[in-house]
Amino acid sequence: MTATTLSTDDVERARSACAQVYFPHRLRVLHDHRHFRMHLSAVSTGPVAAGVLSYAGEVVIETAELETGYEVNVPLDGPLRTSSGDREVCATPTCAALYRPDARARLHGWAGGGRLFGLKIERDALEAHLGALLGRPVRSPVALAPSLDLTTAGGRQWWWLAQTVAELAAAPDGLVANPLVLRPLTQGLVAALLLTAQHPDRDALDAAPPRPGSAAVRRAAAAVEERPDHPWTPADLARHVGLSVRGLHDGFARQLGVTPMGLVRDVRLGRAHADLLAADPATTSVAAVASRWGFAHFGRFADAHRRRYGEHPSATLRR
């Protein structure tokens, strides 16, 4: 992960820093340059970059075609005039603006200051994940609608998830640095966007998937048992056994009564329990074992351990 924090009154330095996190662009200051100021706090993690950007004074940001990624922008303090190609949007704290890699972007605002939450998703990652959900390759840019209503149930949940992932990723030495935690979080964020935003494949995603055979589900479950320390995601498991992500979820629900990530957590909980039994409490902590197996929330780990084994993990460690 790479963190970027910068406050500057230098226009070129501001442009360069934002370009490194997001996309190359031209920055025009529409007020007295002596009063210019920009603040950026962002983190880049795998295929996702997220952060908060603010300017003191009115500016215009213009890009060429984004090419390498998709972008979601949410102004936190007021409206922002923006466009992706010829599609204009008035983004607000309850309406996100979405940008495609095959279109130019333009943002015009900050006359009264204000903050902007920006999320970049690498093009290859988003299109690969859509392909995993559909069970077929995606060979062209996804024609995302230009806006996303954050007041709907799906919009609110996606917005909460985006802010949560950004907050966790920005925490120094946080558990999200563990690949067992990071990859499912970022892939979940991408999947949630594809299942919430409007695009030509939404109907296909909403339709019932073909039912998978039991052999494929058994192979997926066996892969988790054999490699519980791999940072599995539903997309990884689906690809491993030749299913779509939706087909994998359907097969797990029908045949195992659990989600793919539910099985991953169950298997890792068993391995964590075994590690606690074998560990020396003088040199090992419960938190270290939980972290090793990708449990980001210690309280939930302890509750799950108690439900399954009838005792707090610290009691298991002291045996």
C-alpha atoms as a PDB file:
ATOM      1  CA  MET A   1       0.000   0.000   0.000  1.00  0.00           C
ATOM      2  CA  THR A   2       1.138   3.535  -0.762  1.00  0.00           C
ATOM      3  CA  ALA A   3      -0.124   6.491   1.263  1.00  0.00           C
ATOM      4  CA  THR A   4      -0.052  10.066  -0.054  1.00  0.00           C
ATOM      5  CA  THR A   5      -0.631  13.131   2.110  1.00  0.00           C
ATOM      6  CA  LEU A   6       0.089  16.592   0.760  1.00  0.00           C
ATOM      7  CA  SER A   7      -0.895  20.191   1.412  1.00  0.00           C
ATOM      8  CA  THR A   8       0.545  22.681  -1.046  1.00  0.00           C
ATOM      9  CA  ASP A   9       0.055  26.116  -2.579  1.00  0.00           C
ATOM     10  CA  ASP A  10       2.077  25.125  -5.660  1.00  0.00           C
ATOM     11  CA  VAL A  11      -0.197  24.400  -8.632  1.00  0.00           C
ATOM     12  CA  GLU A  12       2.219  22.109 -10.462  1.00  0.00           C
ATOM     13  CA  ARG A  13       3.031  20.130  -7.336  1.00  0.00           C
ATOM     14  CA  ALA A  14      -0.698  19.716  -6.674  1.00  0.00           C
ATOM     15  CA  ARG A  15      -1.332  18.512 -10.218  1.00  0.00           C
ATOM     16  CA  SER A  16       1.566  16.058 -10.127  1.00  0.00           C
ATOM     17  CA  ALA A  17       0.556  14.515  -6.786  1.00  0.00           C
ATOM     18  CA  CYS A  18      -3.055  14.016  -7.858  1.00  0.00           C
ATOM     19  CA  ALA A  19      -1.944  12.558 -11.189  1.00  0.00           C
ATOM     20  CA  GLN A  20       0.165   9.945  -9.413  1.00  0.00           C
ATOM     21  CA  VAL A  21      -2.807   8.770  -7.339  1.00  0.00           C
ATOM     22  CA  TYR A  22      -5.535   9.142  -9.975  1.00  0.00           C
ATOM     23  CA  PHE A  23      -5.066  10.164 -13.634  1.00  0.00           C
ATOM     24  CA  PRO A  24      -2.885  12.617 -15.615  1.00  0.00           C
ATOM     25  CA  HIS A  25      -4.781  15.874 -16.029  1.00  0.00           C
ATOM     26  CA  ARG A  26      -4.644  19.588 -16.657  1.00  0.00           C
ATOM     27  CA  LEU A  27      -5.360  21.836 -13.668  1.00  0.00           C
ATOM     28  CA  ARG A  28      -6.619  25.383 -14.269  1.00  0.00           C
ATOM     29  CA  VAL A  29      -6.978  27.811 -11.389  1.00  0.00           C
ATOM     30  CA  LEU A  30      -9.815  30.282 -11.976  1.00  0.00           C
ATOM     31  CA  HIS A  31      -8.944  32.660  -9.163  1.00  0.00           C
ATOM     32  CA  ASP A  32      -5.869  34.506  -7.897  1.00  0.00           C
ATOM     33  CA  HIS A  33      -3.042  31.947  -7.785  1.00  0.00           C
ATOM     34  CA  ARG A  34      -1.759  33.545  -4.612  1.00  0.00           C
ATOM     35  CA  HIS A  35      -4.792  32.119  -2.809  1.00  0.00           C
ATOM     36  CA  PHE A  36      -4.465  28.618  -4.297  1.00  0.00           C
ATOM     37  CA  ARG A  37      -4.195  25.664  -1.947  1.00  0.00           C
ATOM     38  CA  MET A  38      -4.742  21.935  -2.346  1.00  0.00           C
ATOM     39  CA  HIS A  39      -4.903  19.136   0.210  1.00  0.00           C
ATOM     40  CA  LEU A  40      -4.792  15.442  -0.677  1.00  0.00           C
ATOM     41  CA  SER A  41      -4.960  12.426   1.620  1.00  0.00           C
ATOM     42  CA  ALA A  42      -5.106   9.132  -0.269  1.00  0.00           C
ATOM     43  CA  VAL A  43      -4.034   5.511  -0.199  1.00  0.00           C
ATOM     44  CA  SER A  44      -3.359   3.176  -3.117  1.00  0.00           C
ATOM     45  CA  THR A  45      -3.805  -0.518  -2.449  1.00  0.00           C
ATOM     46  CA  GLY A  46      -3.685  -3.086  -5.217  1.00  0.00           C
ATOM     47  CA  PRO A  47      -6.168  -2.151  -7.947  1.00  0.00           C
ATOM     48  CA  VAL A  48      -7.883   0.547  -5.879  1.00  0.00           C
ATOM     49  CA  ALA A  49      -6.902   4.092  -4.890  1.00  0.00           C
ATOM     50  CA  ALA A  50      -9.099   6.135  -2.571  1.00  0.00           C
ATOM     51  CA  GLY A  51      -8.777   9.479  -0.888  1.00  0.00           C
ATOM     52  CA  VAL A  52     -10.120  12.924  -0.145  1.00  0.00           C
ATOM     53  CA  LEU A  53      -9.100  15.957  -2.204  1.00  0.00           C
ATOM     54  CA  SER A  54      -9.850  19.614  -1.545  1.00  0.00           C
ATOM     55  CA  TYR A  55      -9.030  22.938  -3.189  1.00  0.00           C
ATOM     56  CA  ALA A  56      -9.281  26.437  -1.761  1.00  0.00           C
ATOM     57  CA  GLY A  57     -10.874  28.248  -4.675  1.00  0.00           C
ATOM     58  CA  GLU A  58     -12.440  27.524  -8.042  1.00  0.00           C
ATOM     59  CA  VAL A  59     -10.557  25.153 -10.367  1.00  0.00           C
ATOM     60  CA  VAL A  60     -11.159  23.124 -13.516  1.00  0.00           C
ATOM     61  CA  ILE A  61      -9.669  19.640 -13.927  1.00  0.00           C
ATOM     62  CA  GLU A  62      -9.561  18.122 -17.431  1.00  0.00           C
ATOM     63  CA  THR A  63      -8.205  14.750 -18.565  1.00  0.00           C
ATOM     64  CA  ALA A  64      -7.693  12.899 -21.801  1.00  0.00           C
ATOM     65  CA  GLU A  65      -9.442   9.527 -22.026  1.00  0.00           C
ATOM     66  CA  LEU A  66      -8.763   7.837 -18.701  1.00  0.00           C
ATOM     67  CA  GLU A  67      -7.726   4.591 -20.470  1.00  0.00           C
ATOM     68  CA  THR A  68      -6.349   2.717 -17.445  1.00  0.00           C
ATOM     69  CA  GLY A  69      -9.177   2.917 -14.946  1.00  0.00           C
ATOM     70  CA  TYR A  70     -12.643   3.810 -13.753  1.00  0.00           C
ATOM     71  CA  GLU A  71     -13.378   6.574 -11.265  1.00  0.00           C
ATOM     72  CA  VAL A  72     -16.122   7.329  -8.745  1.00  0.00           C
ATOM     73  CA  ASN A  73     -16.295  10.847  -7.266  1.00  0.00           C
ATOM     74  CA  VAL A  74     -18.495  11.994  -4.388  1.00  0.00           C
ATOM     75  CA  PRO A  75     -18.366  15.677  -3.335  1.00  0.00           C
ATOM     76  CA  LEU A  76     -18.672  15.758   0.445  1.00  0.00           C
ATOM     77  CA  ASP A  77     -19.669  19.390   1.007  1.00  0.00           C
ATOM     78  CA  GLY A  78     -21.763  20.533  -1.946  1.00  0.00           C
ATOM     79  CA  PRO A  79     -22.446  20.145  -5.683  1.00  0.00           C
ATOM     80  CA  LEU A  80     -19.791  19.615  -8.343  1.00  0.00           C
ATOM     81  CA  ARG A  81     -20.285  20.091 -12.084  1.00  0.00           C
ATOM     82  CA  THR A  82     -18.601  17.265 -13.925  1.00  0.00           C
ATOM     83  CA  SER A  83     -18.732  15.174 -17.082  1.00  0.00           C
ATOM     84  CA  SER A  84     -17.489  11.905 -18.545  1.00  0.00           C
ATOM     85  CA  GLY A  85     -17.313  12.341 -22.291  1.00  0.00           C
ATOM     86  CA  ASP A  86     -20.524  14.133 -23.317  1.00  0.00           C
ATOM     87  CA  ARG A  87     -22.454  12.952 -20.257  1.00  0.00           C
ATOM     88  CA  GLU A  88     -22.839  15.765 -17.743  1.00  0.00           C
ATOM     89  CA  VAL A  89     -23.637  15.213 -14.073  1.00  0.00           C
ATOM     90  CA  CYS A  90     -24.207  17.470 -11.101  1.00  0.00           C
ATOM     91  CA  ALA A  91     -22.579  15.347  -8.425  1.00  0.00           C
ATOM     92  CA  THR A  92     -23.668  15.910  -4.824  1.00  0.00           C
ATOM     93  CA  PRO A  93     -23.105  14.217  -1.453  1.00  0.00           C
ATOM     94  CA  THR A  94     -25.996  11.893  -2.363  1.00  0.00           C
ATOM     95  CA  CYS A  95     -25.203  11.389  -6.066  1.00  0.00           C
ATOM     96  CA  ALA A  96     -21.830  10.022  -7.170  1.00  0.00           C
ATOM     97  CA  ALA A  97     -20.299  10.734 -10.573  1.00  0.00           C
ATOM     98  CA  LEU A  98     -18.926   7.735 -12.487  1.00  0.00           C
ATOM     99  CA  TYR A  99     -16.238   7.899 -15.181  1.00  0.00           C
ATOM    100  CA  ARG A 100     -15.285   5.391 -17.885  1.00  0.00           C
ATOM    101  CA  PRO A 101     -11.809   4.683 -19.316  1.00  0.00           C
ATOM    102  CA  ASP A 102     -12.939   5.423 -22.885  1.00  0.00           C
ATOM    103  CA  ALA A 103     -14.014   8.998 -22.133  1.00  0.00           C
ATOM    104  CA  ARG A 104     -12.473  12.284 -21.085  1.00  0.00           C
ATOM    105  CA  ALA A 105     -13.310  13.679 -17.668  1.00  0.00           C
ATOM    106  CA  ARG A 106     -13.943  17.263 -16.619  1.00  0.00           C
ATOM    107  CA  LEU A 107     -14.561  18.639 -13.122  1.00  0.00           C
ATOM    108  CA  HIS A 108     -15.450  22.258 -12.363  1.00  0.00           C
ATOM    109  CA  GLY A 109     -15.983  23.455  -8.821  1.00  0.00           C
ATOM    110  CA  TRP A 110     -14.538  24.405  -5.452  1.00  0.00           C
ATOM    111  CA  ALA A 111     -15.516  28.073  -5.752  1.00  0.00           C
ATOM    112  CA  GLY A 112     -16.473  27.855  -2.086  1.00  0.00           C
ATOM    113  CA  GLY A 113     -13.909  25.216  -1.174  1.00  0.00           C
ATOM    114  CA  GLY A 114     -15.039  21.729  -0.206  1.00  0.00           C
ATOM    115  CA  ARG A 115     -13.843  18.144  -0.207  1.00  0.00           C
ATOM    116  CA  LEU A 116     -14.136  15.410  -2.836  1.00  0.00           C
ATOM    117  CA  PHE A 117     -13.944  11.660  -2.165  1.00  0.00           C
ATOM    118  CA  GLY A 118     -12.314   9.994  -5.155  1.00  0.00           C
ATOM    119  CA  LEU A 119     -12.088   6.260  -5.843  1.00  0.00           C
ATOM    120  CA  LYS A 120     -10.066   4.876  -8.742  1.00  0.00           C
ATOM    121  CA  ILE A 121     -10.389   1.239  -9.846  1.00  0.00           C
ATOM    122  CA  GLU A 122      -7.916  -0.168 -12.338  1.00  0.00           C
ATOM    123  CA  ARG A 123      -9.580  -1.056 -15.614  1.00  0.00           C
ATOM    124  CA  ASP A 124      -8.220  -4.604 -15.775  1.00  0.00           C
ATOM    125  CA  ALA A 125      -9.447  -5.344 -12.254  1.00  0.00           C
ATOM    126  CA  LEU A 126     -13.005  -4.107 -12.797  1.00  0.00           C
ATOM    127  CA  GLU A 127     -13.418  -5.798 -16.161  1.00  0.00           C
ATOM    128  CA  ALA A 128     -11.903  -9.062 -14.903  1.00  0.00           C
ATOM    129  CA  HIS A 129     -14.289  -9.031 -11.967  1.00  0.00           C
ATOM    130  CA  LEU A 130     -17.283  -8.417 -14.202  1.00  0.00           C
ATOM    131  CA  GLY A 131     -16.102 -11.333 -16.329  1.00  0.00           C
ATOM    132  CA  ALA A 132     -15.864 -13.495 -13.207  1.00  0.00           C
ATOM    133  CA  LEU A 133     -19.411 -12.552 -12.211  1.00  0.00           C
ATOM    134  CA  LEU A 134     -20.734 -13.307 -15.692  1.00  0.00           C
ATOM    135  CA  GLY A 135     -18.613 -16.375 -16.377  1.00  0.00           C
ATOM    136  CA  ARG A 136     -17.303 -14.974 -19.667  1.00  0.00           C
ATOM    137  CA  PRO A 137     -14.547 -12.553 -20.746  1.00  0.00           C
ATOM    138  CA  VAL A 138     -15.238  -8.817 -20.916  1.00  0.00           C
ATOM    139  CA  ARG A 139     -13.415  -7.359 -23.908  1.00  0.00           C
ATOM    140  CA  SER A 140     -14.500  -3.711 -23.917  1.00  0.00           C
ATOM    141  CA  PRO A 141     -14.929  -0.908 -21.388  1.00  0.00           C
ATOM    142  CA  VAL A 142     -17.938  -1.286 -19.113  1.00  0.00           C
ATOM    143  CA  ALA A 143     -20.459   1.411 -20.024  1.00  0.00           C
ATOM    144  CA  LEU A 144     -21.212   2.528 -16.489  1.00  0.00           C
ATOM    145  CA  ALA A 145     -24.043   5.030 -16.120  1.00  0.00           C
ATOM    146  CA  PRO A 146     -22.706   8.536 -15.407  1.00  0.00           C
ATOM    147  CA  SER A 147     -24.160   8.711 -11.897  1.00  0.00           C
ATOM    148  CA  LEU A 148     -25.015   6.536  -8.899  1.00  0.00           C
ATOM    149  CA  ASP A 149     -27.818   7.423  -6.503  1.00  0.00           C
ATOM    150  CA  LEU A 150     -26.431   7.053  -2.984  1.00  0.00           C
ATOM    151  CA  THR A 151     -29.868   7.328  -1.362  1.00  0.00           C
ATOM    152  CA  THR A 152     -31.083   3.919  -2.563  1.00  0.00           C
ATOM    153  CA  ALA A 153     -30.497   0.858  -0.386  1.00  0.00           C
ATOM    154  CA  GLY A 154     -27.766  -0.423  -2.701  1.00  0.00           C
ATOM    155  CA  GLY A 155     -26.223   3.017  -3.121  1.00  0.00           C
ATOM    156  CA  ARG A 156     -26.082   3.636   0.629  1.00  0.00           C
ATOM    157  CA  GLN A 157     -24.488   0.248   1.249  1.00  0.00           C
ATOM    158  CA  TRP A 158     -21.915   0.704  -1.497  1.00  0.00           C
ATOM    159  CA  TRP A 159     -21.028   4.199  -0.200  1.00  0.00           C
ATOM    160  CA  TRP A 160     -20.614   2.863   3.334  1.00  0.00           C
ATOM    161  CA  LEU A 161     -18.366   0.065   2.031  1.00  0.00           C
ATOM    162  CA  ALA A 162     -16.233   2.477  -0.026  1.00  0.00           C
ATOM    163  CA  GLN A 163     -15.642   4.749   2.961  1.00  0.00           C
ATOM    164  CA  THR A 164     -14.936   1.791   5.244  1.00  0.00           C
ATOM    165  CA  VAL A 165     -12.369   0.258   2.890  1.00  0.00           C
ATOM    166  CA  ALA A 166     -10.665   3.651   2.478  1.00  0.00           C
ATOM    167  CA  GLU A 167     -10.575   4.184   6.243  1.00  0.00           C
ATOM    168  CA  LEU A 168      -9.185   0.717   6.957  1.00  0.00           C
ATOM    169  CA  ALA A 169      -6.572   0.992   4.206  1.00  0.00           C
ATOM    170  CA  ALA A 170      -5.369   4.339   5.562  1.00  0.00           C
ATOM    171  CA  ALA A 171      -4.842   2.991   9.096  1.00  0.00           C
ATOM    172  CA  PRO A 172      -1.097   2.596   9.758  1.00  0.00           C
ATOM    173  CA  ASP A 173      -0.077  -1.030  10.350  1.00  0.00           C
ATOM    174  CA  GLY A 174      -3.721  -2.077  10.195  1.00  0.00           C
ATOM    175  CA  LEU A 175      -4.932  -5.619   9.551  1.00  0.00           C
ATOM    176  CA  VAL A 176      -6.021  -4.603   6.070  1.00  0.00           C
ATOM    177  CA  ALA A 177      -2.346  -4.831   5.084  1.00  0.00           C
ATOM    178  CA  ASN A 178      -2.736  -8.615   5.435  1.00  0.00           C
ATOM    179  CA  PRO A 179      -3.549 -10.051   1.963  1.00  0.00           C
ATOM    180  CA  LEU A 180      -6.075 -12.403   3.588  1.00  0.00           C
ATOM    181  CA  VAL A 181      -8.051  -9.272   4.513  1.00  0.00           C
ATOM    182  CA  LEU A 182      -7.112  -6.862   1.729  1.00  0.00           C
ATOM    183  CA  ARG A 183      -7.977  -8.839  -1.414  1.00  0.00           C
ATOM    184  CA  PRO A 184     -11.511  -9.841  -0.354  1.00  0.00           C
ATOM    185  CA  LEU A 185     -12.215  -6.256   0.729  1.00  0.00           C
ATOM    186  CA  THR A 186     -11.106  -4.639  -2.524  1.00  0.00           C
ATOM    187  CA  GLN A 187     -12.750  -7.282  -4.701  1.00  0.00           C
ATOM    188  CA  GLY A 188     -15.925  -6.954  -2.660  1.00  0.00           C
ATOM    189  CA  LEU A 189     -15.908  -3.202  -3.251  1.00  0.00           C
ATOM    190  CA  VAL A 190     -15.553  -3.695  -7.011  1.00  0.00           C
ATOM    191  CA  ALA A 191     -18.256  -6.376  -7.073  1.00  0.00           C
ATOM    192  CA  ALA A 192     -20.616  -4.168  -5.079  1.00  0.00           C
ATOM    193  CA  LEU A 193     -20.169  -1.319  -7.572  1.00  0.00           C
ATOM    194  CA  LEU A 194     -20.950  -3.635 -10.492  1.00  0.00           C
ATOM    195  CA  LEU A 195     -24.046  -4.923  -8.702  1.00  0.00           C
ATOM    196  CA  THR A 196     -25.243  -1.409  -7.817  1.00  0.00           C
ATOM    197  CA  ALA A 197     -24.405   0.883 -10.752  1.00  0.00           C
ATOM    198  CA  GLN A 198     -26.341   0.721 -14.007  1.00  0.00           C
ATOM    199  CA  HIS A 199     -24.563  -0.772 -17.052  1.00  0.00           C
ATOM    200  CA  PRO A 200     -25.499  -3.040 -19.989  1.00  0.00           C
ATOM    201  CA  ASP A 201     -24.734  -6.266 -18.074  1.00  0.00           C
ATOM    202  CA  ARG A 202     -26.837  -5.470 -15.008  1.00  0.00           C
ATOM    203  CA  ASP A 203     -29.781  -7.568 -16.230  1.00  0.00           C
ATOM    204  CA  ALA A 204     -27.465 -10.545 -16.716  1.00  0.00           C
ATOM    205  CA  LEU A 205     -26.077 -10.087 -13.203  1.00  0.00           C
ATOM    206  CA  ASP A 206     -29.580  -9.877 -11.761  1.00  0.00           C
ATOM    207  CA  ALA A 207     -30.751 -13.046 -13.560  1.00  0.00           C
ATOM    208  CA  ALA A 208     -30.477 -16.461 -11.915  1.00  0.00           C
ATOM    209  CA  PRO A 209     -27.165 -18.160 -12.853  1.00  0.00           C
ATOM    210  CA  PRO A 210     -26.989 -21.683 -14.333  1.00  0.00           C
ATOM    211  CA  ARG A 211     -26.854 -24.297 -11.595  1.00  0.00           C
ATOM    212  CA  PRO A 212     -23.324 -25.687 -11.181  1.00  0.00           C
ATOM    213  CA  GLY A 213     -22.536 -29.374 -10.847  1.00  0.00           C
ATOM    214  CA  SER A 214     -21.674 -30.791  -7.443  1.00  0.00           C
ATOM    215  CA  ALA A 215     -18.155 -31.747  -8.580  1.00  0.00           C
ATOM    216  CA  ALA A 216     -17.178 -28.113  -9.162  1.00  0.00           C
ATOM    217  CA  VAL A 217     -18.451 -27.105  -5.729  1.00  0.00           C
ATOM    218  CA  ARG A 218     -16.539 -29.980  -4.118  1.00  0.00           C
ATOM    219  CA  ARG A 219     -13.355 -28.916  -5.916  1.00  0.00           C
ATOM    220  CA  ALA A 220     -13.768 -25.356  -4.675  1.00  0.00           C
ATOM    221  CA  ALA A 221     -14.296 -26.528  -1.094  1.00  0.00           C
ATOM    222  CA  ALA A 222     -11.275 -28.820  -1.355  1.00  0.00           C
ATOM    223  CA  ALA A 223      -9.115 -25.943  -2.604  1.00  0.00           C
ATOM    224  CA  VAL A 224      -9.998 -23.928   0.498  1.00  0.00           C
ATOM    225  CA  GLU A 225      -9.203 -26.877   2.780  1.00  0.00           C
ATOM    226  CA  GLU A 226      -5.875 -27.482   1.051  1.00  0.00           C
ATOM    227  CA  ARG A 227      -4.754 -23.831   0.958  1.00  0.00           C
ATOM    228  CA  PRO A 228      -6.484 -21.896   3.735  1.00  0.00           C
ATOM    229  CA  ASP A 229      -3.601 -19.420   3.882  1.00  0.00           C
ATOM    230  CA  HIS A 230      -4.220 -18.310   0.281  1.00  0.00           C
ATOM    231  CA  PRO A 231      -6.033 -14.937   0.051  1.00  0.00           C
ATOM    232  CA  TRP A 232      -9.093 -16.520  -1.531  1.00  0.00           C
ATOM    233  CA  THR A 233     -11.903 -14.412  -2.926  1.00  0.00           C
ATOM    234  CA  PRO A 234     -15.105 -15.657  -4.585  1.00  0.00           C
ATOM    235  CA  ALA A 235     -13.650 -14.628  -7.951  1.00  0.00           C
ATOM    236  CA  ASP A 236     -10.490 -16.671  -7.314  1.00  0.00           C
ATOM    237  CA  LEU A 237     -12.454 -19.772  -6.332  1.00  0.00           C
ATOM    238  CA  ALA A 238     -14.838 -19.427  -9.252  1.00  0.00           C
ATOM    239  CA  ARG A 239     -11.949 -19.108 -11.688  1.00  0.00           C
ATOM    240  CA  HIS A 240     -10.203 -22.098 -10.064  1.00  0.00           C
ATOM    241  CA  VAL A 241     -13.132 -24.425 -10.798  1.00  0.00           C
ATOM    242  CA  GLY A 242     -14.436 -22.846 -14.013  1.00  0.00           C
ATOM    243  CA  LEU A 243     -17.616 -21.253 -12.683  1.00  0.00           C
ATOM    244  CA  SER A 244     -18.989 -17.736 -12.603  1.00  0.00           C
ATOM    245  CA  VAL A 245     -18.972 -16.057  -9.202  1.00  0.00           C
ATOM    246  CA  ARG A 246     -22.769 -16.117  -9.158  1.00  0.00           C
ATOM    247  CA  GLY A 247     -22.783 -19.822 -10.038  1.00  0.00           C
ATOM    248  CA  LEU A 248     -20.288 -20.511  -7.266  1.00  0.00           C
ATOM    249  CA  HIS A 249     -22.451 -18.701  -4.711  1.00  0.00           C
ATOM    250  CA  ASP A 250     -25.539 -20.567  -5.899  1.00  0.00           C
ATOM    251  CA  GLY A 251     -23.778 -23.933  -5.714  1.00  0.00           C
ATOM    252  CA  PHE A 252     -22.401 -23.284  -2.238  1.00  0.00           C
ATOM    253  CA  ALA A 253     -25.811 -22.177  -0.974  1.00  0.00           C
ATOM    254  CA  ARG A 254     -27.623 -25.199  -2.421  1.00  0.00           C
ATOM    255  CA  GLN A 255     -25.035 -27.873  -1.682  1.00  0.00           C
ATOM    256  CA  LEU A 256     -23.127 -26.658   1.383  1.00  0.00           C
ATOM    257  CA  GLY A 257     -25.494 -24.166   2.999  1.00  0.00           C
ATOM    258  CA  VAL A 258     -22.748 -21.561   3.297  1.00  0.00           C
ATOM    259  CA  THR A 259     -21.205 -18.796   1.193  1.00  0.00           C
ATOM    260  CA  PRO A 260     -17.737 -19.281  -0.325  1.00  0.00           C
ATOM    261  CA  MET A 261     -16.206 -16.757   2.071  1.00  0.00           C
ATOM    262  CA  GLY A 262     -18.175 -18.309   4.923  1.00  0.00           C
ATOM    263  CA  LEU A 263     -16.397 -21.594   4.214  1.00  0.00           C
ATOM    264  CA  VAL A 264     -13.052 -19.790   4.032  1.00  0.00           C
ATOM    265  CA  ARG A 265     -13.697 -18.243   7.462  1.00  0.00           C
ATOM    266  CA  ASP A 266     -14.792 -21.593   8.916  1.00  0.00           C
ATOM    267  CA  VAL A 267     -11.660 -23.355   7.681  1.00  0.00           C
ATOM    268  CA  ARG A 268      -9.382 -20.559   8.900  1.00  0.00           C
ATOM    269  CA  LEU A 269     -11.117 -20.589  12.281  1.00  0.00           C
ATOM    270  CA  GLY A 270     -10.252 -24.263  12.585  1.00  0.00           C
ATOM    271  CA  ARG A 271      -6.618 -23.592  11.702  1.00  0.00           C
ATOM    272  CA  ALA A 272      -6.477 -20.705  14.166  1.00  0.00           C
ATOM    273  CA  HIS A 273      -7.873 -22.985  16.881  1.00  0.00           C
ATOM    274  CA  ALA A 274      -5.200 -25.580  16.108  1.00  0.00           C
ATOM    275  CA  ASP A 275      -2.502 -22.904  16.289  1.00  0.00           C
ATOM    276  CA  LEU A 276      -3.804 -21.732  19.673  1.00  0.00           C
ATOM    277  CA  LEU A 277      -3.678 -25.280  21.028  1.00  0.00           C
ATOM    278  CA  ALA A 278      -0.105 -25.731  19.806  1.00  0.00           C
ATOM    279  CA  ALA A 279       1.221 -22.298  20.799  1.00  0.00           C
ATOM    280  CA  ASP A 280       3.150 -21.217  23.876  1.00  0.00           C
ATOM    281  CA  PRO A 281       1.140 -18.476  25.645  1.00  0.00           C
ATOM    282  CA  ALA A 282       4.414 -16.949  26.816  1.00  0.00           C
ATOM    283  CA  THR A 283       5.417 -16.106  23.262  1.00  0.00           C
ATOM    284  CA  THR A 284       2.143 -16.008  21.316  1.00  0.00           C
ATOM    285  CA  SER A 285      -0.973 -13.845  21.633  1.00  0.00           C
ATOM    286  CA  VAL A 286      -4.522 -14.546  20.544  1.00  0.00           C
ATOM    287  CA  ALA A 287      -4.468 -11.347  18.489  1.00  0.00           C
ATOM    288  CA  ALA A 288      -1.385 -12.511  16.585  1.00  0.00           C
ATOM    289  CA  VAL A 289      -3.028 -15.823  15.710  1.00  0.00           C
ATOM    290  CA  ALA A 290      -6.259 -14.110  14.664  1.00  0.00           C
ATOM    291  CA  SER A 291      -4.337 -11.663  12.479  1.00  0.00           C
ATOM    292  CA  ARG A 292      -2.295 -14.458  10.895  1.00  0.00           C
ATOM    293  CA  TRP A 293      -5.507 -16.097   9.711  1.00  0.00           C
ATOM    294  CA  GLY A 294      -7.068 -12.906   8.395  1.00  0.00           C
ATOM    295  CA  PHE A 295      -9.544 -12.086  11.168  1.00  0.00           C
ATOM    296  CA  ALA A 296      -9.597  -8.296  11.134  1.00  0.00           C
ATOM    297  CA  HIS A 297     -12.067  -7.881  14.007  1.00  0.00           C
ATOM    298  CA  PHE A 298     -10.821  -9.524  17.204  1.00  0.00           C
ATOM    299  CA  GLY A 299     -14.219  -9.400  18.927  1.00  0.00           C
ATOM    300  CA  ARG A 300     -15.924 -11.253  16.086  1.00  0.00           C
ATOM    301  CA  PHE A 301     -13.111 -13.806  16.019  1.00  0.00           C
ATOM    302  CA  ALA A 302     -13.511 -14.436  19.742  1.00  0.00           C
ATOM    303  CA  ASP A 303     -17.299 -14.775  19.406  1.00  0.00           C
ATOM    304  CA  ALA A 304     -16.990 -17.202  16.490  1.00  0.00           C
ATOM    305  CA  HIS A 305     -14.408 -19.251  18.393  1.00  0.00           C
ATOM    306  CA  ARG A 306     -16.622 -19.384  21.486  1.00  0.00           C
ATOM    307  CA  ARG A 307     -19.664 -20.505  19.485  1.00  0.00           C
ATOM    308  CA  ARG A 308     -17.735 -23.285  17.760  1.00  0.00           C
ATOM    309  CA  TYR A 309     -15.451 -24.497  20.537  1.00  0.00           C
ATOM    310  CA  GLY A 310     -17.311 -23.445  23.664  1.00  0.00           C
ATOM    311  CA  GLU A 311     -14.561 -21.284  25.092  1.00  0.00           C
ATOM    312  CA  HIS A 312     -12.780 -17.977  24.603  1.00  0.00           C
ATOM    313  CA  PRO A 313      -9.640 -18.284  22.435  1.00  0.00           C
ATOM    314  CA  SER A 314      -7.500 -17.083  25.357  1.00  0.00           C
ATOM    315  CA  ALA A 315      -8.646 -20.144  27.321  1.00  0.00           C
ATOM    316  CA  THR A 316      -7.633 -22.370  24.423  1.00  0.00           C
ATOM    317  CA  LEU A 317      -4.214 -20.709  24.310  1.00  0.00           C
ATOM    318  CA  ARG A 318      -3.660 -21.319  28.032  1.00  0.00           C
ATOM    319  CA  ARG A 319      -4.291 -25.053  27.826  1.00  0.00           C
END
